[in-house]
Each structure stands twice: as C-alpha cells, then as structure tokens.
Amino acid sequence: MRSQLIRYCLGLAALALPGVPWAVAIEASALSATATEAMAQAVLPQAIAEYRRKLRDYQEARAAFDQEAGAYWSAISDKRRGRNAKRRDRQTITLDDYVLSQPPLYAGPKRPINPEPASEEERRRERKAIPVVADLLQAAAEQFQFTPQRPATEVAFKRAYARYAQASGLTREQAVRVYSFETGGTGNHDMQSGLRRGSHAISTAIGYNQLLTTNSVELVAEQGDEFVRALTEKAAGLSGSQRKAMDHKIAVLKQMVAFTRSVPDDWSAHEKLADTPQGWAVHAMVLDIDVGPMLQTHKLLTSVIFARAKGYTRPLTAAELEMMNLTGDGTGLDMVTMPQAMREQVPTANFFQRGGYERNPVAIRHNTVAQLLAVTNARMDAQSNNAGAKELAASY
C-alpha cells in the first residue's frame, strides 16, 4: 500500500516538470518506484525481526503485569461482593470491606507497531465507525420515517430541559453543575463526545448529560410510558399541522418503546439493541426538542430515585450525582454513603472495573474517593462560569 502511494506521488512530481515527455515521466516514475520497492524489501526483514524482538519484550512485560494486576482486581471483586452481601444483611460497612492499596499500573514497554501491512480483516476492525449525529438522523428517517424536531435556538432547548428537570425534582445546582462537568459548561444539545475538539467521535455520548446509545434505549424502555403521556398532554393543546406532527411523533415513540422492550430490561440486552440501526434511531430522540429534555433529565433522575429507594434521603450534591452517573447507581451510592474519614483512605479503584479504571486518567490521578469528589467539584466550580452553564442556570 505504501509503495503504491510513493509511486503515485513521484509520478505526479515528474509530470509537473516542464518539458519532460510523457513516456520519460512514466519511465522515471517506474524506475523510482522500483528502487523504492527494492529498498523496502531489503529493509523489511530487518524491520520485521526488530518488531518481533520488541513484541516478545512487550508480551513478557505485559504477562508479568497482568498476573499482578489480575490478583489485585480479583480482590476488588471479592471485596465488592462482600460489601453487597453485608448491605443485604444491613450490616455496617467498614474500611476492612475495601482494598486499601492502589492498583498496579503498567510501566513496561509499549506494544510495537507492526511494519507488515494489516490484513483486510484487521483494517475492517479498525474502521468500525462510531455513529455521529448525521448517522442517527439517517437511521431515524430510514427505520421509523421520522425526523427529530430540532430547537430553533440552543436557549430554547435549555429552557425545555430546565422546565422538565425542575418539575421532575432536579435542582438547578444539580442540573447546571453536572452539565458543566459533562460538557465543559459550553456544550450544545447535540454535542458529541470528542467532536467538540474537532476530532473523531470517541463515543456515542451526546447532549447535556452525555447519553450513550444504550442509555437512550434503556430510558425509552423504562420511562417510555411517561414520555408518551407527556407528549399526549402537550398534543391536547395543539391544532392543525402542529397537532399532526405531534401525533406522528407520539406514534413513532410508541414504536420505539415496543422495540426497546423486545428484550429483557438489563444493560447488556439494551446494549445489543443500541448497536443496530433501530437503536441509533432511538438515540436520535435525544436531539428532539420534546423528547430530548426528558431523556436528559431521567439520565440523572434515575440516580436520585435509586438513592431514595435505598434509604438515602439527604439531597445529593452535584458531585455525588455525577459519581452515580459515572460509575452506575449501585457503585456510586457506595461512594456517596461513605463517611468523609473513609473517603480519605479508600482508593477509587474499588468502584471501577479494571478496564474502565485503566482508561480513566482522572480516577488514576485522583486515586481516593475524597480526591475524586474534590476534583469533580473543582471542575464544576470553574466550568459553571462558562456561557452555556450561565444560560442553563438562567433558564431555571
């Protein structure tokens, strides 16, 4: 592949020279390409040998690390099971119920880059794209013959979100500070993770509270009846083309509810649905001026309801709510209910799976519960002063 690119570029350079006949240009290009390929073939065996040596070094170092890390993360899982059992029996959780040492971090050689061309199968795996907003909108049109109603302005979406969130019991502090943390205090309703930096999307997370495709599928499955009821009440006050459009939206939403309920109500089942064209279409509803604010609200409200159901009646701070948003309700509540003295000592690793922790530089750097909550609060403080956060606060 690379030699073809070199040949093509050299050919263009020769053709660009004034007075060079076509045949001479082609011959020069061919000679240059042949010389380049010959050099590449001469170097390639050495490069492959060096790669394989480095690969062995990497694999040996990684195997030794994985053995050490495996034991640590097994202990994390054992302690978590023990805490869950004690909670079921209403027993007090103590420091002994956590792993108090920090996890090992890999510091060996990096995996070397293979100089040999990747196979077609490897290239296909690398090219698996994360759907972006355009893909979601196309899926909605193709799968449900529906186009989400986008807001006329960003402030309009913020106002719709604020109205629904406030009526549902989310405080302004919770909504604004979580929005500030998730979006930097500047995000729009259609902001996708990674794209705000002008690069490729790094996940399907979209919006004020960064919902994943699986979040949208799960919320429509669990809260769909309430969403339909809210839209039906709104439709009663409409007429003409607006009523017709709302009736169509309600009919589509009912179809989506049926689709999301076609599997058991658990995350792994919803995750499979989310990675289909129909799942992408459901996720497109996060962009809709009527349904989007409800999805955004319930992403946080489910955590509030979960905490209350578990007997935690004190209002959650925004940072505590973000912990539940980040790690899951059960795990997050473990952190939220922990006394401050324990927060100072318990490593954040206790609340993550190994893969999630090793991909989370914030949790690694701020490696106790107290430190993680502190840095979360600090970012919320700073980013709540940004323009988008101020707009959302003013919408309440």
Protein backbone atom coordinates (compact mmCIF):
# COMPACT_ATOMS: atom_id res chain seq x y z
CA MET A 1 0.00 0.00 0.00
CA ARG A 2 2.70 2.47 0.96
CA SER A 3 4.86 1.70 -2.08
CA GLN A 4 1.86 2.46 -4.32
CA LEU A 5 1.47 5.83 -2.62
CA ILE A 6 5.18 6.63 -3.11
CA ARG A 7 4.97 5.66 -6.77
CA TYR A 8 1.90 7.82 -7.31
CA CYS A 9 3.47 10.89 -5.71
CA LEU A 10 6.71 10.52 -7.65
CA GLY A 11 4.73 10.21 -10.86
CA LEU A 12 2.95 13.46 -10.17
CA ALA A 13 6.26 15.20 -9.44
CA ALA A 14 7.74 14.06 -12.75
CA LEU A 15 4.67 15.14 -14.71
CA ALA A 16 4.85 18.55 -13.08
CA LEU A 17 8.29 19.25 -14.56
CA PRO A 18 8.10 21.43 -17.71
CA GLY A 19 9.43 19.89 -20.90
CA VAL A 20 9.51 16.29 -19.62
CA PRO A 21 7.91 13.96 -22.21
CA TRP A 22 5.05 11.71 -21.01
CA ALA A 23 7.00 8.48 -21.66
CA VAL A 24 10.07 9.80 -19.84
CA ALA A 25 7.94 10.82 -16.90
CA ILE A 26 6.38 7.38 -16.69
CA GLU A 27 9.79 5.67 -17.03
CA ALA A 28 11.31 7.89 -14.32
CA SER A 29 8.35 7.16 -12.09
CA ALA A 30 8.67 3.42 -12.66
CA LEU A 31 12.43 3.44 -12.02
CA SER A 32 11.96 5.46 -8.81
CA ALA A 33 9.18 3.16 -7.66
CA THR A 34 11.25 0.06 -8.42
CA ALA A 35 14.22 1.45 -6.49
CA THR A 36 11.95 2.36 -3.59
CA GLU A 37 10.36 -1.09 -3.52
CA ALA A 38 13.75 -2.77 -3.69
CA MET A 39 14.97 -0.72 -0.74
CA ALA A 40 11.80 -1.51 1.20
CA GLN A 41 12.24 -5.23 0.53
CA ALA A 42 15.86 -5.08 1.67
CA VAL A 43 14.98 -3.34 4.92
CA LEU A 44 11.75 -5.20 5.61
CA PRO A 45 13.24 -8.45 7.04
CA GLN A 46 15.33 -6.42 9.49
CA ALA A 47 12.33 -4.35 10.45
CA ILE A 48 10.23 -7.46 11.00
CA ALA A 49 12.94 -9.07 13.13
CA GLU A 50 13.23 -5.93 15.25
CA TYR A 51 9.46 -5.77 15.58
CA ARG A 52 9.26 -9.39 16.72
CA ARG A 53 12.01 -8.85 19.29
CA LYS A 54 10.22 -5.82 20.70
CA LEU A 55 6.93 -7.70 20.64
CA ARG A 56 8.42 -10.51 22.74
CA ASP A 57 9.74 -7.98 25.24
CA TYR A 58 6.33 -6.32 25.40
CA GLN A 59 4.46 -9.61 25.79
CA GLU A 60 6.74 -10.78 28.60
CA ALA A 61 6.40 -7.49 30.47
CA ARG A 62 2.67 -7.41 29.92
CA ALA A 63 2.21 -11.00 31.08
CA ALA A 64 4.06 -10.29 34.32
CA PHE A 65 1.96 -7.16 34.88
CA ASP A 66 -1.30 -8.95 34.07
CA GLN A 67 -0.54 -11.59 36.66
CA GLU A 68 -0.02 -8.95 39.34
CA ALA A 69 -2.97 -6.84 38.22
CA GLY A 70 -5.23 -9.87 37.92
CA ALA A 71 -4.72 -10.71 41.58
CA TYR A 72 -5.43 -7.11 42.60
CA TRP A 73 -8.65 -6.82 40.59
CA SER A 74 -9.84 -10.21 41.81
CA ALA A 75 -9.50 -8.85 45.33
CA ILE A 76 -11.51 -5.78 44.29
CA SER A 77 -14.31 -8.03 43.01
CA ASP A 78 -14.24 -10.19 46.15
CA LYS A 79 -14.50 -7.13 48.40
CA ARG A 80 -17.36 -5.73 46.32
CA ARG A 81 -19.30 -9.00 46.63
CA GLY A 82 -18.66 -8.95 50.37
CA ARG A 83 -19.99 -5.38 50.70
CA ASN A 84 -23.11 -6.24 48.73
CA ALA A 85 -23.78 -9.20 50.99
CA LYS A 86 -23.32 -7.08 54.12
CA ARG A 87 -25.70 -4.44 52.77
CA ARG A 88 -28.34 -7.07 52.11
CA ASP A 89 -27.98 -8.15 55.72
CA ARG A 90 -27.99 -4.50 56.88
CA GLN A 91 -24.51 -4.82 58.37
CA THR A 92 -22.15 -1.87 58.79
CA ILE A 93 -19.52 -1.36 56.07
CA THR A 94 -16.01 -0.68 57.40
CA LEU A 95 -12.56 0.01 55.94
CA ASP A 96 -11.86 -3.72 56.01
CA ASP A 97 -14.51 -4.13 53.31
CA TYR A 98 -12.35 -2.27 50.76
CA VAL A 99 -8.99 -2.89 49.12
CA LEU A 100 -6.86 -0.10 50.60
CA SER A 101 -3.79 -0.40 48.38
CA GLN A 102 -3.57 1.31 44.99
CA PRO A 103 -3.72 -0.85 41.84
CA PRO A 104 -0.57 -1.65 39.87
CA LEU A 105 -0.13 0.42 36.71
CA TYR A 106 1.68 -0.87 33.65
CA ALA A 107 5.02 0.88 33.14
CA GLY A 108 6.74 -1.51 30.72
CA PRO A 109 7.48 -1.14 27.00
CA LYS A 110 4.65 -0.15 24.68
CA ARG A 111 3.29 -2.58 22.13
CA PRO A 112 5.41 -2.06 18.98
CA ILE A 113 3.89 -1.14 15.63
CA ASN A 114 3.83 -3.98 13.13
CA PRO A 115 5.68 -2.90 9.94
CA GLU A 116 3.82 -5.51 7.88
CA PRO A 117 0.62 -4.40 6.10
CA ALA A 118 -2.55 -5.08 8.05
CA SER A 119 -4.90 -7.75 6.74
CA GLU A 120 -8.25 -6.75 5.30
CA GLU A 121 -9.99 -8.16 8.39
CA GLU A 122 -7.76 -6.07 10.68
CA ARG A 123 -8.46 -2.95 8.63
CA ARG A 124 -12.20 -3.58 8.85
CA ARG A 125 -11.98 -3.86 12.64
CA GLU A 126 -10.02 -0.61 12.82
CA ARG A 127 -12.53 1.15 10.57
CA LYS A 128 -15.60 0.30 12.68
CA ALA A 129 -17.10 3.75 12.97
CA ILE A 130 -18.86 5.35 15.90
CA PRO A 131 -22.20 6.73 14.67
CA VAL A 132 -22.43 10.51 14.74
CA VAL A 133 -25.46 12.81 14.65
CA ALA A 134 -25.85 12.52 10.86
CA ASP A 135 -25.94 8.72 11.13
CA LEU A 136 -28.54 8.86 13.90
CA LEU A 137 -30.78 11.18 11.89
CA GLN A 138 -30.47 8.96 8.82
CA ALA A 139 -31.37 5.90 10.91
CA ALA A 140 -34.45 7.65 12.31
CA ALA A 141 -35.61 8.53 8.80
CA GLU A 142 -34.98 5.05 7.41
CA GLN A 143 -36.17 2.94 10.33
CA PHE A 144 -39.11 4.99 11.65
CA GLN A 145 -39.75 7.58 8.89
CA PHE A 146 -39.16 10.29 11.46
CA THR A 147 -37.03 13.41 11.79
CA PRO A 148 -36.46 14.74 15.33
CA GLN A 149 -37.69 18.30 15.84
CA ARG A 150 -34.57 20.35 16.46
CA PRO A 151 -34.73 23.51 18.60
CA ALA A 152 -34.87 26.89 16.90
CA THR A 153 -32.13 28.05 19.27
CA GLU A 154 -29.94 26.42 21.88
CA VAL A 155 -31.59 28.53 24.57
CA ALA A 156 -34.95 27.00 23.57
CA PHE A 157 -33.62 23.52 24.30
CA LYS A 158 -32.13 24.67 27.60
CA ARG A 159 -35.46 26.16 28.64
CA ALA A 160 -37.32 22.98 27.74
CA TYR A 161 -34.79 20.92 29.69
CA ALA A 162 -34.90 23.25 32.70
CA ARG A 163 -38.74 23.19 32.83
CA TYR A 164 -38.93 19.41 32.75
CA ALA A 165 -35.98 18.85 35.07
CA GLN A 166 -37.31 21.29 37.67
CA ALA A 167 -40.81 19.79 37.52
CA SER A 168 -39.26 16.33 37.98
CA GLY A 169 -37.35 17.37 41.10
CA LEU A 170 -33.83 18.08 39.84
CA THR A 171 -32.44 21.22 41.42
CA ARG A 172 -30.79 23.98 39.43
CA GLU A 173 -27.50 23.24 41.17
CA GLN A 174 -27.63 19.56 40.19
CA ALA A 175 -28.58 20.21 36.57
CA VAL A 176 -26.18 23.10 35.94
CA ARG A 177 -23.15 21.63 37.67
CA VAL A 178 -23.49 18.21 36.06
CA TYR A 179 -23.98 19.90 32.68
CA SER A 180 -20.86 21.96 33.38
CA PHE A 181 -18.81 18.89 34.23
CA GLU A 182 -20.05 16.81 31.29
CA THR A 183 -19.77 19.49 28.60
CA GLY A 184 -17.25 21.97 30.00
CA GLY A 185 -20.06 24.47 30.52
CA THR A 186 -20.31 25.22 26.81
CA GLY A 187 -21.98 22.21 25.20
CA ASN A 188 -25.00 22.23 22.92
CA HIS A 189 -27.86 19.73 22.91
CA ASP A 190 -26.17 17.84 20.06
CA MET A 191 -22.59 17.92 21.34
CA GLN A 192 -20.97 14.51 20.85
CA SER A 193 -18.03 13.27 22.89
CA GLY A 194 -14.76 14.05 21.10
CA LEU A 195 -16.20 16.09 18.24
CA ARG A 196 -16.10 19.33 20.19
CA ARG A 197 -12.32 19.24 19.74
CA GLY A 198 -12.66 18.88 16.00
CA SER A 199 -11.50 15.24 16.04
CA HIS A 200 -13.29 11.94 15.58
CA ALA A 201 -16.08 10.96 17.97
CA ILE A 202 -14.75 8.89 20.85
CA SER A 203 -18.16 7.56 21.93
CA THR A 204 -21.86 7.86 21.16
CA ALA A 205 -22.33 10.16 24.19
CA ILE A 206 -24.45 13.17 23.21
CA GLY A 207 -26.02 16.14 24.92
CA TYR A 208 -26.02 17.95 28.24
CA ASN A 209 -25.60 14.78 30.29
CA GLN A 210 -23.76 12.80 27.59
CA LEU A 211 -26.17 9.93 26.97
CA LEU A 212 -24.82 6.84 25.21
CA THR A 213 -26.93 4.91 22.70
CA THR A 214 -27.52 2.31 25.42
CA ASN A 215 -28.70 5.00 27.85
CA SER A 216 -31.30 6.18 25.34
CA VAL A 217 -32.53 2.64 24.63
CA GLU A 218 -32.76 1.84 28.34
CA LEU A 219 -34.53 5.07 29.25
CA VAL A 220 -37.11 4.69 26.46
CA ALA A 221 -37.75 1.12 27.65
CA GLU A 222 -38.12 2.12 31.29
CA GLN A 223 -39.69 5.59 31.03
CA GLY A 224 -41.41 5.35 27.67
CA ASP A 225 -44.95 5.36 29.07
CA GLU A 226 -44.27 8.62 30.90
CA PHE A 227 -42.75 10.15 27.76
CA VAL A 228 -45.82 9.18 25.71
CA ARG A 229 -48.15 10.55 28.40
CA ALA A 230 -46.28 13.88 28.49
CA LEU A 231 -46.45 14.25 24.71
CA THR A 232 -50.13 13.28 24.66
CA GLU A 233 -50.90 16.02 27.20
CA LYS A 234 -48.99 18.52 25.09
CA ALA A 235 -50.80 17.39 21.92
CA ALA A 236 -54.15 18.21 23.52
CA GLY A 237 -53.33 21.91 23.33
CA LEU A 238 -52.25 21.87 19.69
CA SER A 239 -54.12 22.04 16.39
CA GLY A 240 -53.52 21.92 12.67
CA SER A 241 -50.09 21.00 11.39
CA GLN A 242 -48.57 21.16 14.87
CA ARG A 243 -51.08 18.58 16.17
CA LYS A 244 -50.46 16.36 13.15
CA ALA A 245 -46.68 16.48 13.70
CA MET A 246 -47.08 15.71 17.41
CA ASP A 247 -49.41 12.80 16.73
CA HIS A 248 -46.80 11.37 14.36
CA LYS A 249 -44.09 11.85 16.98
CA ILE A 250 -46.20 10.01 19.57
CA ALA A 251 -46.85 7.13 17.16
CA VAL A 252 -43.11 6.83 16.44
CA LEU A 253 -42.26 6.98 20.12
CA LYS A 254 -44.70 4.14 20.83
CA GLN A 255 -42.98 2.04 18.17
CA MET A 256 -39.62 2.81 19.76
CA VAL A 257 -40.93 1.83 23.20
CA ALA A 258 -42.09 -1.52 21.79
CA PHE A 259 -38.69 -2.04 20.15
CA THR A 260 -36.73 -1.29 23.32
CA ARG A 261 -38.95 -3.63 25.32
CA SER A 262 -38.40 -6.53 22.94
CA VAL A 263 -35.53 -7.74 25.17
CA PRO A 264 -35.14 -8.19 28.95
CA ASP A 265 -34.65 -5.00 30.96
CA ASP A 266 -30.91 -5.24 31.54
CA TRP A 267 -27.94 -3.24 30.32
CA SER A 268 -26.29 -5.95 28.20
CA ALA A 269 -29.51 -6.67 26.31
CA HIS A 270 -30.11 -2.97 25.71
CA GLU A 271 -26.51 -2.56 24.59
CA LYS A 272 -27.07 -5.06 21.79
CA LEU A 273 -30.18 -3.23 20.63
CA ALA A 274 -28.34 0.08 20.79
CA ASP A 275 -25.78 -1.13 18.24
CA THR A 276 -28.39 -1.55 15.49
CA PRO A 277 -29.94 0.94 13.05
CA GLN A 278 -33.15 0.93 15.13
CA GLY A 279 -31.10 1.63 18.26
CA TRP A 280 -29.36 4.52 16.53
CA ALA A 281 -32.80 5.88 15.61
CA VAL A 282 -33.91 5.72 19.25
CA HIS A 283 -30.76 7.61 20.23
CA ALA A 284 -31.69 10.32 17.71
CA MET A 285 -34.57 11.23 20.05
CA VAL A 286 -32.02 12.88 22.34
CA LEU A 287 -31.95 15.67 19.74
CA ASP A 288 -35.72 16.24 19.76
CA ILE A 289 -36.98 19.40 21.48
CA ASP A 290 -39.75 17.43 23.27
CA VAL A 291 -38.21 14.02 23.99
CA GLY A 292 -34.57 15.11 24.38
CA PRO A 293 -35.10 17.08 27.62
CA MET A 294 -36.94 14.11 29.12
CA LEU A 295 -34.11 11.74 28.26
CA GLN A 296 -31.53 14.17 29.63
CA THR A 297 -33.49 14.60 32.86
CA HIS A 298 -34.08 10.91 33.51
CA LYS A 299 -30.41 10.15 32.96
CA LEU A 300 -29.89 11.92 36.31
CA LEU A 301 -33.29 11.43 37.93
CA THR A 302 -32.98 7.65 37.97
CA SER A 303 -29.96 8.04 40.25
CA VAL A 304 -31.87 10.34 42.61
CA ILE A 305 -34.78 7.87 42.75
CA PHE A 306 -32.39 4.95 43.30
CA ALA A 307 -30.74 6.69 46.26
CA ARG A 308 -34.10 7.45 47.86
CA ALA A 309 -35.25 3.86 47.39
CA LYS A 310 -32.14 2.72 49.22
CA GLY A 311 -32.98 4.96 52.16
CA TYR A 312 -30.64 7.86 51.34
CA THR A 313 -32.89 10.87 51.90
CA ARG A 314 -30.34 13.71 52.01
CA PRO A 315 -30.24 15.66 48.71
CA LEU A 316 -27.38 14.51 46.50
CA THR A 317 -24.77 17.12 45.72
CA ALA A 318 -24.00 17.56 42.04
CA ALA A 319 -20.61 15.86 42.51
CA GLU A 320 -22.24 12.88 44.24
CA LEU A 321 -24.82 12.67 41.47
CA GLU A 322 -22.01 12.73 38.91
CA MET A 323 -20.32 9.81 40.70
CA MET A 324 -23.51 7.78 40.31
CA ASN A 325 -23.73 8.94 36.70
CA LEU A 326 -20.12 7.91 36.12
CA THR A 327 -19.91 4.54 37.88
CA GLY A 328 -23.51 3.34 37.98
CA ASP A 329 -26.13 3.82 40.65
CA GLY A 330 -25.22 0.96 42.98
CA THR A 331 -21.49 1.62 42.89
CA GLY A 332 -21.92 5.37 43.05
CA LEU A 333 -24.17 5.13 46.10
CA ASP A 334 -21.40 3.16 47.79
CA MET A 335 -19.20 6.26 47.49
CA VAL A 336 -21.99 8.71 48.35
CA THR A 337 -22.88 7.00 51.63
CA MET A 338 -19.26 6.70 52.77
CA PRO A 339 -18.20 8.85 55.76
CA GLN A 340 -15.60 11.53 54.99
CA ALA A 341 -12.91 9.80 57.06
CA MET A 342 -13.25 6.69 54.92
CA ARG A 343 -13.36 8.73 51.71
CA GLU A 344 -9.88 9.98 52.53
CA GLN A 345 -8.49 6.43 52.63
CA VAL A 346 -10.45 4.31 50.15
CA PRO A 347 -8.94 4.10 46.63
CA THR A 348 -11.18 4.94 43.69
CA ALA A 349 -10.24 1.59 42.15
CA ASN A 350 -12.81 -0.05 44.44
CA PHE A 351 -15.57 1.46 42.32
CA PHE A 352 -14.41 0.54 38.81
CA GLN A 353 -13.93 -2.48 36.64
CA ARG A 354 -10.31 -2.91 35.64
CA GLY A 355 -10.73 -1.79 32.02
CA GLY A 356 -12.71 1.30 32.94
CA TYR A 357 -10.20 2.32 35.59
CA GLU A 358 -7.15 1.89 33.36
CA ARG A 359 -8.80 4.11 30.71
CA ASN A 360 -9.72 6.81 33.24
CA PRO A 361 -6.77 9.14 33.91
CA VAL A 362 -8.84 11.30 36.27
CA ALA A 363 -9.59 8.37 38.59
CA ILE A 364 -5.95 7.28 38.43
CA ARG A 365 -4.53 10.71 39.27
CA HIS A 366 -7.11 11.44 41.96
CA ASN A 367 -6.98 8.00 43.47
CA THR A 368 -9.08 8.24 46.61
CA VAL A 369 -12.80 8.89 46.88
CA ALA A 370 -12.17 12.25 48.60
CA GLN A 371 -9.75 13.37 45.88
CA LEU A 372 -12.10 12.31 43.06
CA LEU A 373 -15.03 14.18 44.58
CA ALA A 374 -12.82 17.21 45.21
CA VAL A 375 -11.57 17.43 41.62
CA THR A 376 -15.11 16.92 40.34
CA ASN A 377 -16.34 19.80 42.49
CA ALA A 378 -13.41 21.98 41.40
CA ARG A 379 -14.18 21.42 37.72
CA MET A 380 -17.85 22.12 38.31
CA ASP A 381 -16.94 25.36 40.10
CA ALA A 382 -14.74 26.56 37.26
CA GLN A 383 -16.91 25.44 34.35
CA SER A 384 -20.18 26.70 35.84
CA ASN A 385 -18.95 30.19 34.94
CA ASN A 386 -18.93 29.43 31.23
CA ALA A 387 -21.57 30.84 28.89
CA GLY A 388 -23.60 27.66 28.36
CA ALA A 389 -23.83 26.97 32.09
CA LYS A 390 -24.97 30.52 32.76
CA GLU A 391 -27.66 30.15 30.07
CA LEU A 392 -28.90 26.94 31.64
CA ALA A 393 -28.93 28.50 35.13
CA ALA A 394 -30.94 31.44 33.80
CA SER A 395 -33.44 29.02 32.21
CA TYR A 396 -34.48 27.68 35.62
